[in-house]
Protein backbone atom coordinates (compact mmCIF):
# COMPACT_ATOMS: atom_id res chain seq x y z
CA MET A 1 -161.27 -170.81 -48.78
CA VAL A 2 -161.14 -168.23 -45.93
CA LEU A 3 -160.36 -164.65 -45.60
CA GLY A 4 -157.11 -163.59 -47.24
CA HIS A 5 -157.22 -165.48 -50.60
CA GLU A 6 -157.82 -162.42 -52.72
CA THR A 7 -155.26 -159.76 -51.95
CA ALA A 8 -154.50 -156.37 -52.98
CA ALA A 9 -151.31 -154.24 -51.70
CA VAL A 10 -149.25 -151.23 -52.24
CA VAL A 11 -145.61 -152.00 -53.30
CA VAL A 12 -143.27 -150.83 -50.77
CA GLN A 13 -140.12 -152.33 -51.98
CA VAL A 14 -138.87 -154.10 -55.39
CA GLY A 15 -135.77 -155.88 -56.26
CA SER A 16 -133.12 -154.29 -58.72
CA THR A 17 -134.27 -156.49 -61.63
CA VAL A 18 -138.03 -156.01 -61.32
CA THR A 19 -139.38 -153.92 -64.30
CA ASN A 20 -143.31 -154.73 -64.11
CA ILE A 21 -143.98 -152.94 -60.92
CA LYS A 22 -142.68 -150.02 -58.90
CA VAL A 23 -142.70 -148.75 -55.42
CA GLY A 24 -146.29 -147.16 -54.76
CA ASP A 25 -148.02 -149.18 -57.38
CA ARG A 26 -151.21 -150.65 -56.32
CA VAL A 27 -151.31 -154.42 -57.30
CA ALA A 28 -153.56 -157.46 -57.15
CA ILE A 29 -151.78 -160.55 -55.98
CA GLU A 30 -152.36 -164.02 -57.52
CA PRO A 31 -153.60 -166.29 -54.44
CA GLY A 32 -151.89 -169.35 -55.98
CA ARG A 33 -148.25 -169.92 -55.42
CA SER A 34 -146.77 -172.45 -57.86
CA CYS A 35 -143.25 -174.36 -57.56
CA ARG A 36 -141.77 -172.23 -60.41
CA VAL A 37 -139.57 -175.04 -61.38
CA CYS A 38 -141.75 -177.81 -62.95
CA SER A 39 -142.01 -178.18 -66.65
CA GLU A 40 -145.61 -176.64 -66.46
CA CYS A 41 -144.51 -173.47 -64.56
CA LYS A 42 -141.38 -173.06 -67.00
CA SER A 43 -143.58 -173.20 -70.04
CA GLY A 44 -145.79 -170.47 -68.68
CA HIS A 45 -148.64 -172.74 -67.31
CA TYR A 46 -148.27 -172.11 -63.66
CA ASN A 47 -151.96 -172.83 -63.06
CA ARG A 48 -151.20 -176.50 -64.03
CA CYS A 49 -148.43 -176.93 -61.44
CA ALA A 50 -148.98 -180.04 -59.41
CA GLY A 51 -147.42 -178.28 -56.37
CA MET A 52 -149.70 -175.27 -56.36
CA VAL A 53 -150.58 -173.94 -53.07
CA PHE A 54 -153.39 -171.50 -52.44
CA ALA A 55 -153.47 -168.72 -49.71
CA ALA A 56 -156.07 -169.21 -47.15
CA THR A 57 -156.85 -172.68 -48.17
CA PRO A 58 -156.07 -174.94 -44.87
CA PRO A 59 -153.48 -175.68 -43.74
CA HIS A 60 -152.02 -172.34 -45.41
CA SER A 61 -152.92 -169.17 -43.92
CA GLY A 62 -154.31 -166.01 -45.83
CA GLN A 63 -152.61 -162.88 -46.76
CA SER A 64 -154.50 -160.78 -44.28
CA LEU A 65 -151.23 -159.56 -42.77
CA PRO A 66 -149.81 -156.02 -42.23
CA SER A 67 -147.00 -157.05 -44.60
CA SER A 68 -146.02 -159.96 -46.99
CA SER A 69 -143.88 -160.78 -49.93
CA SER A 70 -144.77 -161.98 -53.40
CA SER A 71 -142.89 -162.81 -56.53
CA CYS A 72 -143.41 -159.82 -59.12
CA SER A 73 -144.80 -162.50 -61.54
CA THR A 74 -147.70 -162.88 -59.34
CA CYS A 75 -148.50 -159.27 -59.07
CA ALA A 76 -150.74 -157.42 -61.52
CA PRO A 77 -150.56 -153.59 -61.39
CA GLU A 78 -153.59 -151.50 -61.36
CA ARG A 79 -154.09 -150.13 -64.91
CA ILE A 80 -156.28 -146.84 -65.13
């Protein structure tokens, strides 16, 4: 893995149905992106997805960008 596979961010926009995070929250973002449609993903075992792609694992670039978008299900808000 290269730089950008472990990402933290500040939320700047959320969709109207998002309830687990809000604008201004600091979040950690899961580096793996699952397909979200296979039986493993739908049963809550996204870590078993055969289509999993990881940020910053060639040929996929990392998330060291000025801005990016992620599913709210892959964002863990900071808890103090």
